[in-house]
Amino acid sequence: MSRTNSVTRRRFVATAASAAALVAAPSQSEVSSTMRTYDTQRTTLTPYLLFDGNCLQAMEFYRSCLGGELKVLKVKDSPVKDHMPAAHQEKVLNANLRSDLLEISASDWLHPDRKMARGNMTCLYVSGGTLEALTALFHKLSDGAEITDPLQQQFYGAYGALNDRFGVRWMFVTGK
């Protein structure tokens, strides 16, 4: 895949989270579209889990244990479907489980050039708030970090990702 046509898994996730339609997955696993918007007054921090092709099953299990509403977006139902290989079309681009008490986001591993390994299956997902606040936090956390995706405007809003100096993975996204 050429560099100009490739989009990282993290950008897919950010696309799904901030600009694309998230799909609801009721207990019968029917799919319908809804738009995800971000609170511009408040930034949130959410655990983000990565799975090896079984994200939907894992998130449905977590919903059965924890309750809440589960929204799931598969690659084939997203704006990035044309940029992904056929083998990824049924994979989960973004899933979000939210209840009154908790929120968990997740996806299947979609990065074509990196292998899934213990240690890179969980990250902290910072979303919403103002671009200025997100940029300030990104720059503070980037001290000594490996910046894997510089914070910059995309067609769906701002997105960036880094591994901090302690090896913790962070993803950042806010709407336009």
N, C-alpha and C. Protein backbone atom coordinates (compact mmCIF):
# COMPACT_ATOMS: atom_id res chain seq x y z
N MET A 1 0.86 -1.17 0.00
CA MET A 1 0.00 0.00 0.00
C MET A 1 0.90 1.22 0.00
N SER A 2 0.67 2.15 -0.89
CA SER A 2 1.52 3.34 -0.95
C SER A 2 1.24 4.26 0.24
N ARG A 3 2.23 5.07 0.56
CA ARG A 3 2.12 5.98 1.70
C ARG A 3 0.96 6.95 1.52
N THR A 4 0.70 7.40 0.28
CA THR A 4 -0.36 8.38 0.06
C THR A 4 -1.74 7.75 0.18
N ASN A 5 -1.86 6.46 -0.04
CA ASN A 5 -3.17 5.80 0.05
C ASN A 5 -3.39 5.15 1.40
N SER A 6 -2.35 5.03 2.20
CA SER A 6 -2.53 4.36 3.48
C SER A 6 -2.98 5.36 4.53
N VAL A 7 -3.82 4.87 5.41
CA VAL A 7 -4.29 5.66 6.54
C VAL A 7 -4.09 4.77 7.75
N THR A 8 -3.46 5.27 8.82
CA THR A 8 -3.18 4.42 9.97
C THR A 8 -4.47 4.02 10.67
N ARG A 9 -4.38 2.93 11.42
CA ARG A 9 -5.51 2.45 12.19
C ARG A 9 -6.00 3.53 13.13
N ARG A 10 -5.07 4.27 13.70
CA ARG A 10 -5.46 5.32 14.63
C ARG A 10 -6.24 6.41 13.93
N ARG A 11 -5.85 6.74 12.70
CA ARG A 11 -6.63 7.73 11.96
C ARG A 11 -8.00 7.18 11.62
N PHE A 12 -8.09 5.87 11.33
CA PHE A 12 -9.40 5.27 11.09
C PHE A 12 -10.27 5.40 12.33
N VAL A 13 -9.67 5.11 13.48
CA VAL A 13 -10.41 5.19 14.73
C VAL A 13 -10.86 6.62 14.98
N ALA A 14 -9.96 7.56 14.79
CA ALA A 14 -10.33 8.96 15.00
C ALA A 14 -11.40 9.38 14.02
N THR A 15 -11.30 8.91 12.79
CA THR A 15 -12.33 9.23 11.79
C THR A 15 -13.68 8.71 12.28
N ALA A 16 -13.67 7.47 12.73
CA ALA A 16 -14.93 6.87 13.19
C ALA A 16 -15.47 7.62 14.38
N ALA A 17 -14.58 7.99 15.30
CA ALA A 17 -15.03 8.61 16.53
C ALA A 17 -15.51 10.04 16.36
N SER A 18 -14.88 10.79 15.46
CA SER A 18 -15.23 12.20 15.41
C SER A 18 -16.05 12.63 14.22
N ALA A 19 -15.94 11.95 13.09
CA ALA A 19 -16.63 12.44 11.91
C ALA A 19 -17.57 11.43 11.30
N ALA A 20 -17.29 10.18 11.48
CA ALA A 20 -18.08 9.15 10.82
C ALA A 20 -19.31 8.80 11.66
N ALA A 21 -20.20 8.11 11.04
CA ALA A 21 -21.38 7.63 11.77
C ALA A 21 -20.99 6.43 12.60
N LEU A 22 -21.37 6.46 13.88
CA LEU A 22 -21.22 5.28 14.70
C LEU A 22 -22.53 4.50 14.58
N VAL A 23 -22.43 3.21 14.60
CA VAL A 23 -23.63 2.40 14.43
C VAL A 23 -24.00 1.74 15.74
N ALA A 24 -25.29 1.72 16.02
CA ALA A 24 -25.77 1.08 17.24
C ALA A 24 -25.85 -0.41 17.01
N ALA A 25 -25.48 -1.18 18.01
CA ALA A 25 -25.55 -2.63 17.92
C ALA A 25 -26.39 -3.16 19.07
N PRO A 26 -27.72 -3.15 18.92
CA PRO A 26 -28.57 -3.67 19.98
C PRO A 26 -28.28 -5.16 20.22
N SER A 27 -28.91 -5.73 21.22
CA SER A 27 -28.61 -7.11 21.58
C SER A 27 -28.80 -8.06 20.41
N GLN A 28 -29.64 -7.71 19.44
CA GLN A 28 -29.83 -8.55 18.26
C GLN A 28 -28.75 -8.27 17.22
N SER A 29 -27.82 -7.37 17.51
CA SER A 29 -26.72 -6.98 16.63
C SER A 29 -27.18 -6.36 15.32
N GLU A 30 -28.35 -5.72 15.32
CA GLU A 30 -28.77 -4.96 14.16
C GLU A 30 -27.96 -3.67 14.13
N VAL A 31 -27.80 -3.09 12.95
CA VAL A 31 -26.95 -1.93 12.79
C VAL A 31 -27.75 -0.76 12.25
N SER A 32 -27.58 0.43 12.87
CA SER A 32 -28.18 1.66 12.35
C SER A 32 -27.21 2.79 12.61
N SER A 33 -27.28 3.83 11.81
CA SER A 33 -26.30 4.92 11.89
C SER A 33 -26.73 6.02 12.86
N THR A 34 -25.75 6.59 13.56
CA THR A 34 -25.93 7.79 14.36
C THR A 34 -24.66 8.60 14.25
N MET A 35 -24.72 9.90 14.46
CA MET A 35 -23.53 10.74 14.39
C MET A 35 -22.94 10.93 15.79
N ARG A 36 -21.64 10.91 15.90
CA ARG A 36 -20.94 11.15 17.15
C ARG A 36 -20.49 12.60 17.18
N THR A 37 -20.79 13.30 18.25
CA THR A 37 -20.32 14.66 18.41
C THR A 37 -19.54 14.75 19.71
N TYR A 38 -18.72 15.79 19.85
CA TYR A 38 -17.91 15.96 21.03
C TYR A 38 -18.29 17.21 21.77
N ASP A 39 -18.20 17.14 23.08
CA ASP A 39 -18.43 18.27 23.96
C ASP A 39 -17.23 19.20 23.84
N THR A 40 -17.45 20.42 23.40
CA THR A 40 -16.34 21.35 23.22
C THR A 40 -15.93 22.01 24.54
N GLN A 41 -16.71 21.83 25.59
CA GLN A 41 -16.40 22.42 26.89
C GLN A 41 -15.62 21.46 27.78
N ARG A 42 -15.65 20.17 27.47
CA ARG A 42 -15.10 19.17 28.37
C ARG A 42 -14.30 18.14 27.58
N THR A 43 -13.11 17.84 28.04
CA THR A 43 -12.29 16.80 27.44
C THR A 43 -12.48 15.54 28.27
N THR A 44 -12.59 14.40 27.60
CA THR A 44 -12.78 13.14 28.32
C THR A 44 -11.58 12.22 28.09
N LEU A 45 -11.35 11.33 29.03
CA LEU A 45 -10.30 10.32 28.95
C LEU A 45 -10.96 8.96 29.06
N THR A 46 -10.76 8.13 28.04
CA THR A 46 -11.43 6.84 27.95
C THR A 46 -10.40 5.74 27.71
N PRO A 47 -10.51 4.59 28.42
CA PRO A 47 -9.65 3.47 28.05
C PRO A 47 -10.03 2.99 26.65
N TYR A 48 -9.02 2.63 25.85
CA TYR A 48 -9.24 2.17 24.48
C TYR A 48 -8.56 0.82 24.33
N LEU A 49 -9.35 -0.20 23.98
CA LEU A 49 -8.86 -1.57 23.87
C LEU A 49 -8.73 -1.98 22.42
N LEU A 50 -7.71 -2.77 22.11
CA LEU A 50 -7.50 -3.26 20.76
C LEU A 50 -7.61 -4.79 20.77
N PHE A 51 -8.34 -5.33 19.80
CA PHE A 51 -8.59 -6.76 19.73
C PHE A 51 -8.10 -7.34 18.40
N ASP A 52 -7.92 -8.64 18.39
CA ASP A 52 -7.39 -9.34 17.22
C ASP A 52 -8.53 -9.99 16.43
N GLY A 53 -9.48 -9.16 15.96
CA GLY A 53 -10.58 -9.66 15.14
C GLY A 53 -11.81 -10.06 15.93
N ASN A 54 -11.77 -9.98 17.25
CA ASN A 54 -12.92 -10.37 18.05
C ASN A 54 -13.46 -9.22 18.91
N CYS A 55 -13.30 -8.00 18.42
CA CYS A 55 -13.76 -6.82 19.15
C CYS A 55 -15.27 -6.86 19.40
N LEU A 56 -16.05 -7.18 18.38
CA LEU A 56 -17.50 -7.20 18.54
C LEU A 56 -17.92 -8.18 19.64
N GLN A 57 -17.36 -9.39 19.62
CA GLN A 57 -17.70 -10.39 20.63
C GLN A 57 -17.28 -9.91 22.02
N ALA A 58 -16.10 -9.32 22.13
CA ALA A 58 -15.63 -8.84 23.43
C ALA A 58 -16.52 -7.73 23.97
N MET A 59 -16.86 -6.78 23.11
CA MET A 59 -17.68 -5.65 23.56
C MET A 59 -19.10 -6.08 23.90
N GLU A 60 -19.64 -7.04 23.16
CA GLU A 60 -20.97 -7.57 23.52
C GLU A 60 -20.91 -8.28 24.87
N PHE A 61 -19.82 -9.00 25.14
CA PHE A 61 -19.64 -9.65 26.44
C PHE A 61 -19.56 -8.59 27.54
N TYR A 62 -18.77 -7.54 27.33
CA TYR A 62 -18.66 -6.48 28.34
C TYR A 62 -20.01 -5.81 28.57
N ARG A 63 -20.79 -5.62 27.50
CA ARG A 63 -22.13 -5.04 27.68
C ARG A 63 -23.00 -5.96 28.53
N SER A 64 -22.90 -7.28 28.32
CA SER A 64 -23.72 -8.21 29.10
C SER A 64 -23.32 -8.19 30.58
N CYS A 65 -22.07 -7.90 30.86
CA CYS A 65 -21.59 -7.85 32.25
C CYS A 65 -21.82 -6.49 32.90
N LEU A 66 -21.59 -5.43 32.14
CA LEU A 66 -21.57 -4.08 32.71
C LEU A 66 -22.81 -3.25 32.39
N GLY A 67 -23.62 -3.72 31.43
CA GLY A 67 -24.78 -2.95 30.99
C GLY A 67 -24.35 -1.79 30.11
N GLY A 68 -25.28 -0.92 29.78
CA GLY A 68 -24.98 0.25 28.98
C GLY A 68 -25.37 0.08 27.53
N GLU A 69 -25.06 1.12 26.75
CA GLU A 69 -25.38 1.14 25.32
C GLU A 69 -24.09 0.91 24.54
N LEU A 70 -24.15 -0.02 23.57
CA LEU A 70 -23.01 -0.34 22.74
C LEU A 70 -23.26 0.15 21.33
N LYS A 71 -22.31 0.96 20.83
CA LYS A 71 -22.34 1.43 19.44
C LYS A 71 -21.13 0.85 18.74
N VAL A 72 -21.34 0.31 17.54
CA VAL A 72 -20.28 -0.35 16.80
C VAL A 72 -20.27 0.14 15.37
N LEU A 73 -19.09 0.43 14.86
CA LEU A 73 -18.90 0.81 13.47
C LEU A 73 -17.90 -0.14 12.83
N LYS A 74 -18.35 -0.88 11.82
CA LYS A 74 -17.45 -1.76 11.09
C LYS A 74 -16.81 -0.97 9.96
N VAL A 75 -15.65 -1.43 9.53
CA VAL A 75 -14.93 -0.76 8.45
C VAL A 75 -15.84 -0.58 7.25
N LYS A 76 -16.57 -1.63 6.86
CA LYS A 76 -17.40 -1.58 5.65
C LYS A 76 -18.51 -0.53 5.71
N ASP A 77 -18.85 -0.06 6.90
CA ASP A 77 -19.91 0.92 7.08
C ASP A 77 -19.37 2.33 7.33
N SER A 78 -18.08 2.53 7.11
CA SER A 78 -17.45 3.80 7.44
C SER A 78 -16.97 4.53 6.19
N PRO A 79 -16.66 5.82 6.34
CA PRO A 79 -16.13 6.59 5.23
C PRO A 79 -14.75 6.13 4.76
N VAL A 80 -14.04 5.32 5.55
CA VAL A 80 -12.70 4.88 5.16
C VAL A 80 -12.69 3.51 4.49
N LYS A 81 -13.86 2.95 4.22
CA LYS A 81 -13.93 1.60 3.67
C LYS A 81 -13.14 1.42 2.38
N ASP A 82 -13.09 2.44 1.54
CA ASP A 82 -12.38 2.34 0.26
C ASP A 82 -10.87 2.39 0.42
N HIS A 83 -10.39 2.73 1.61
CA HIS A 83 -8.95 2.80 1.87
C HIS A 83 -8.44 1.55 2.58
N MET A 84 -9.33 0.61 2.84
CA MET A 84 -8.97 -0.59 3.60
C MET A 84 -9.05 -1.83 2.72
N PRO A 85 -8.20 -2.81 2.99
CA PRO A 85 -8.25 -4.06 2.23
C PRO A 85 -9.53 -4.84 2.51
N ALA A 86 -9.89 -5.70 1.58
CA ALA A 86 -11.11 -6.51 1.71
C ALA A 86 -11.11 -7.31 3.01
N ALA A 87 -9.96 -7.79 3.44
CA ALA A 87 -9.87 -8.60 4.64
C ALA A 87 -10.26 -7.83 5.91
N HIS A 88 -10.25 -6.51 5.86
CA HIS A 88 -10.60 -5.70 7.04
C HIS A 88 -12.04 -5.21 7.04
N GLN A 89 -12.79 -5.41 6.00
CA GLN A 89 -14.13 -4.82 5.88
C GLN A 89 -15.08 -5.24 7.00
N GLU A 90 -14.99 -6.45 7.50
CA GLU A 90 -15.88 -6.92 8.58
C GLU A 90 -15.35 -6.61 9.97
N LYS A 91 -14.14 -6.08 10.05
CA LYS A 91 -13.57 -5.77 11.36
C LYS A 91 -14.20 -4.50 11.94
N VAL A 92 -14.10 -4.37 13.25
CA VAL A 92 -14.65 -3.22 13.96
C VAL A 92 -13.65 -2.07 13.90
N LEU A 93 -14.10 -0.97 13.35
CA LEU A 93 -13.30 0.26 13.28
C LEU A 93 -13.37 1.00 14.60
N ASN A 94 -14.55 1.04 15.22
CA ASN A 94 -14.72 1.69 16.50
C ASN A 94 -15.94 1.11 17.20
N ALA A 95 -15.79 0.83 18.48
CA ALA A 95 -16.90 0.40 19.33
C ALA A 95 -16.84 1.24 20.59
N ASN A 96 -18.01 1.57 21.10
CA ASN A 96 -18.08 2.39 22.30
C ASN A 96 -19.18 1.85 23.19
N LEU A 97 -18.81 1.50 24.42
CA LEU A 97 -19.77 1.03 25.42
C LEU A 97 -19.86 2.11 26.48
N ARG A 98 -21.07 2.62 26.69
CA ARG A 98 -21.27 3.70 27.64
C ARG A 98 -22.47 3.40 28.53
N SER A 99 -22.24 3.57 29.83
CA SER A 99 -23.33 3.47 30.81
C SER A 99 -23.26 4.72 31.68
N ASP A 100 -24.11 4.79 32.67
CA ASP A 100 -24.07 5.93 33.59
C ASP A 100 -22.75 5.99 34.35
N LEU A 101 -22.10 4.85 34.54
CA LEU A 101 -20.92 4.78 35.37
C LEU A 101 -19.59 4.67 34.63
N LEU A 102 -19.61 4.22 33.38
CA LEU A 102 -18.33 3.97 32.71
C LEU A 102 -18.44 4.13 31.20
N GLU A 103 -17.26 4.20 30.57
CA GLU A 103 -17.18 4.24 29.13
C GLU A 103 -15.91 3.50 28.72
N ILE A 104 -16.03 2.64 27.71
CA ILE A 104 -14.91 1.91 27.13
C ILE A 104 -15.03 2.03 25.62
N SER A 105 -13.92 2.32 24.94
CA SER A 105 -13.90 2.30 23.48
C SER A 105 -12.95 1.21 23.04
N ALA A 106 -13.13 0.73 21.79
CA ALA A 106 -12.30 -0.37 21.30
C ALA A 106 -12.36 -0.46 19.78
N SER A 107 -11.45 -1.24 19.24
CA SER A 107 -11.48 -1.59 17.82
C SER A 107 -10.69 -2.86 17.61
N ASP A 108 -10.83 -3.43 16.41
CA ASP A 108 -9.95 -4.51 16.01
C ASP A 108 -8.64 -3.90 15.55
N TRP A 109 -7.57 -4.66 15.63
CA TRP A 109 -6.26 -4.20 15.17
C TRP A 109 -6.32 -4.05 13.66
N LEU A 110 -6.05 -2.85 13.15
CA LEU A 110 -6.16 -2.57 11.72
C LEU A 110 -4.88 -2.02 11.11
N HIS A 111 -3.85 -1.86 11.89
CA HIS A 111 -2.63 -1.25 11.35
C HIS A 111 -1.90 -2.27 10.48
N PRO A 112 -1.75 -1.99 9.18
CA PRO A 112 -1.17 -2.98 8.28
C PRO A 112 0.33 -3.20 8.46
N ASP A 113 1.04 -2.22 9.04
CA ASP A 113 2.49 -2.31 9.13
C ASP A 113 3.02 -2.64 10.51
N ARG A 114 2.14 -2.84 11.48
CA ARG A 114 2.58 -3.13 12.83
C ARG A 114 1.86 -4.36 13.36
N LYS A 115 2.55 -5.10 14.19
CA LYS A 115 1.99 -6.32 14.78
C LYS A 115 1.40 -6.01 16.15
N MET A 116 0.32 -6.69 16.45
CA MET A 116 -0.28 -6.60 17.76
C MET A 116 0.61 -7.36 18.75
N ALA A 117 0.84 -6.78 19.91
CA ALA A 117 1.67 -7.43 20.92
C ALA A 117 1.23 -6.96 22.29
N ARG A 118 1.47 -7.80 23.28
CA ARG A 118 1.17 -7.40 24.65
C ARG A 118 1.87 -6.07 24.91
N GLY A 119 1.14 -5.10 25.42
CA GLY A 119 1.71 -3.78 25.68
C GLY A 119 1.17 -2.72 24.72
N ASN A 120 0.72 -3.12 23.53
CA ASN A 120 0.16 -2.11 22.62
C ASN A 120 -1.32 -2.38 22.34
N MET A 121 -1.98 -3.09 23.24
CA MET A 121 -3.38 -3.42 23.07
C MET A 121 -4.31 -2.51 23.87
N THR A 122 -3.76 -1.57 24.59
CA THR A 122 -4.55 -0.63 25.38
C THR A 122 -3.93 0.76 25.25
N CYS A 123 -4.76 1.78 25.14
CA CYS A 123 -4.26 3.15 25.16
C CYS A 123 -5.26 4.05 25.84
N LEU A 124 -4.86 5.27 26.08
CA LEU A 124 -5.75 6.27 26.67
C LEU A 124 -6.21 7.19 25.55
N TYR A 125 -7.51 7.39 25.47
CA TYR A 125 -8.15 8.11 24.38
C TYR A 125 -8.68 9.43 24.91
N VAL A 126 -8.04 10.53 24.51
CA VAL A 126 -8.44 11.87 24.94
C VAL A 126 -9.28 12.48 23.83
N SER A 127 -10.52 12.85 24.16
CA SER A 127 -11.42 13.35 23.11
C SER A 127 -12.21 14.55 23.60
N GLY A 128 -12.62 15.36 22.62
CA GLY A 128 -13.45 16.52 22.91
C GLY A 128 -12.62 17.70 23.41
N GLY A 129 -13.32 18.65 23.98
CA GLY A 129 -12.67 19.87 24.43
C GLY A 129 -12.32 20.77 23.26
N THR A 130 -11.59 21.83 23.56
CA THR A 130 -11.20 22.76 22.50
C THR A 130 -9.90 22.29 21.86
N LEU A 131 -9.67 22.74 20.65
CA LEU A 131 -8.43 22.42 19.96
C LEU A 131 -7.24 22.97 20.75
N GLU A 132 -7.39 24.14 21.32
CA GLU A 132 -6.30 24.74 22.09
C GLU A 132 -5.94 23.88 23.31
N ALA A 133 -6.94 23.41 24.04
CA ALA A 133 -6.69 22.57 25.22
C ALA A 133 -6.08 21.24 24.81
N LEU A 134 -6.59 20.64 23.73
CA LEU A 134 -6.07 19.37 23.24
C LEU A 134 -4.61 19.54 22.80
N THR A 135 -4.32 20.61 22.09
CA THR A 135 -2.96 20.88 21.62
C THR A 135 -1.99 21.06 22.80
N ALA A 136 -2.42 21.80 23.81
CA ALA A 136 -1.57 22.01 24.99
C ALA A 136 -1.26 20.69 25.69
N LEU A 137 -2.26 19.84 25.86
CA LEU A 137 -2.06 18.55 26.50
C LEU A 137 -1.15 17.66 25.65
N PHE A 138 -1.37 17.64 24.34
CA PHE A 138 -0.54 16.85 23.43
C PHE A 138 0.92 17.27 23.56
N HIS A 139 1.17 18.57 23.54
CA HIS A 139 2.55 19.07 23.63
C HIS A 139 3.20 18.75 24.98
N LYS A 140 2.44 18.85 26.07
CA LYS A 140 2.99 18.50 27.38
C LYS A 140 3.38 17.03 27.44
N LEU A 141 2.48 16.16 26.94
CA LEU A 141 2.75 14.72 26.98
C LEU A 141 3.81 14.29 25.97
N SER A 142 4.09 15.11 24.97
CA SER A 142 5.06 14.74 23.95
C SER A 142 6.51 14.92 24.41
N ASP A 143 6.72 15.53 25.57
CA ASP A 143 8.08 15.69 26.10
C ASP A 143 8.68 14.30 26.36
N GLY A 144 9.67 13.93 25.56
CA GLY A 144 10.31 12.62 25.69
C GLY A 144 9.53 11.49 25.05
N ALA A 145 8.48 11.81 24.32
CA ALA A 145 7.61 10.79 23.73
C ALA A 145 8.01 10.44 22.30
N GLU A 146 7.51 9.31 21.84
CA GLU A 146 7.56 8.94 20.42
C GLU A 146 6.24 9.41 19.82
N ILE A 147 6.29 10.41 18.96
CA ILE A 147 5.07 10.91 18.32
C ILE A 147 4.84 10.07 17.07
N THR A 148 3.81 9.24 17.10
CA THR A 148 3.53 8.37 15.96
C THR A 148 2.63 9.03 14.93
N ASP A 149 1.78 9.93 15.38
CA ASP A 149 0.89 10.68 14.49
C ASP A 149 0.85 12.11 15.01
N PRO A 150 1.54 13.05 14.36
CA PRO A 150 1.54 14.44 14.83
C PRO A 150 0.11 14.98 14.92
N LEU A 151 -0.13 15.81 15.92
CA LEU A 151 -1.46 16.42 16.07
C LEU A 151 -1.65 17.41 14.93
N GLN A 152 -2.65 17.14 14.10
CA GLN A 152 -2.93 18.03 12.98
C GLN A 152 -4.37 17.89 12.53
N GLN A 153 -4.81 18.88 11.81
CA GLN A 153 -6.18 18.88 11.30
C GLN A 153 -6.33 17.81 10.21
N GLN A 154 -7.42 17.10 10.29
CA GLN A 154 -7.84 16.14 9.27
C GLN A 154 -9.20 16.61 8.76
N PHE A 155 -9.76 15.92 7.81
CA PHE A 155 -11.07 16.35 7.30
C PHE A 155 -12.17 16.24 8.34
N TYR A 156 -11.97 15.46 9.39
CA TYR A 156 -12.98 15.24 10.42
C TYR A 156 -12.71 16.03 11.69
N GLY A 157 -11.57 16.68 11.79
CA GLY A 157 -11.18 17.40 12.98
C GLY A 157 -9.70 17.18 13.26
N ALA A 158 -9.25 17.47 14.46
CA ALA A 158 -7.84 17.30 14.81
C ALA A 158 -7.60 15.90 15.35
N TYR A 159 -6.44 15.31 15.00
CA TYR A 159 -6.07 13.99 15.47
C TYR A 159 -4.56 13.91 15.66
N GLY A 160 -4.13 13.20 16.67
CA GLY A 160 -2.72 12.91 16.90
C GLY A 160 -2.57 11.74 17.85
N ALA A 161 -1.39 11.13 17.87
CA ALA A 161 -1.14 10.00 18.77
C ALA A 161 0.34 9.97 19.14
N LEU A 162 0.62 9.47 20.33
CA LEU A 162 2.00 9.35 20.79
C LEU A 162 2.11 8.24 21.82
N ASN A 163 3.35 7.79 22.00
CA ASN A 163 3.70 6.89 23.09
C ASN A 163 4.55 7.73 24.03
N ASP A 164 4.06 7.95 25.25
CA ASP A 164 4.78 8.86 26.15
C ASP A 164 6.10 8.26 26.63
N ARG A 165 6.86 9.02 27.39
CA ARG A 165 8.19 8.59 27.82
C ARG A 165 8.16 7.34 28.69
N PHE A 166 6.98 6.97 29.18
CA PHE A 166 6.84 5.77 30.00
C PHE A 166 6.27 4.59 29.21
N GLY A 167 6.05 4.80 27.90
CA GLY A 167 5.54 3.74 27.04
C GLY A 167 4.03 3.65 26.98
N VAL A 168 3.33 4.60 27.58
CA VAL A 168 1.87 4.60 27.55
C VAL A 168 1.40 5.22 26.23
N ARG A 169 0.48 4.55 25.56
CA ARG A 169 -0.07 5.01 24.28
C ARG A 169 -1.21 5.99 24.55
N TRP A 170 -1.21 7.14 23.85
CA TRP A 170 -2.26 8.17 23.94
C TRP A 170 -2.76 8.48 22.54
N MET A 171 -4.07 8.59 22.37
CA MET A 171 -4.68 9.08 21.12
C MET A 171 -5.48 10.33 21.47
N PHE A 172 -5.46 11.31 20.59
CA PHE A 172 -6.13 12.59 20.81
C PHE A 172 -7.04 12.87 19.61
N VAL A 173 -8.27 13.33 19.88
CA VAL A 173 -9.16 13.72 18.78
C VAL A 173 -10.16 14.74 19.28
N THR A 174 -10.45 15.70 18.45
CA THR A 174 -11.54 16.64 18.71
C THR A 174 -12.16 17.02 17.39
N GLY A 175 -13.42 17.41 17.42
CA GLY A 175 -14.12 17.78 16.19
C GLY A 175 -13.54 19.05 15.59
N LYS A 176 -14.10 19.44 14.47
CA LYS A 176 -13.62 20.65 13.78
C LYS A 176 -13.78 21.88 14.62
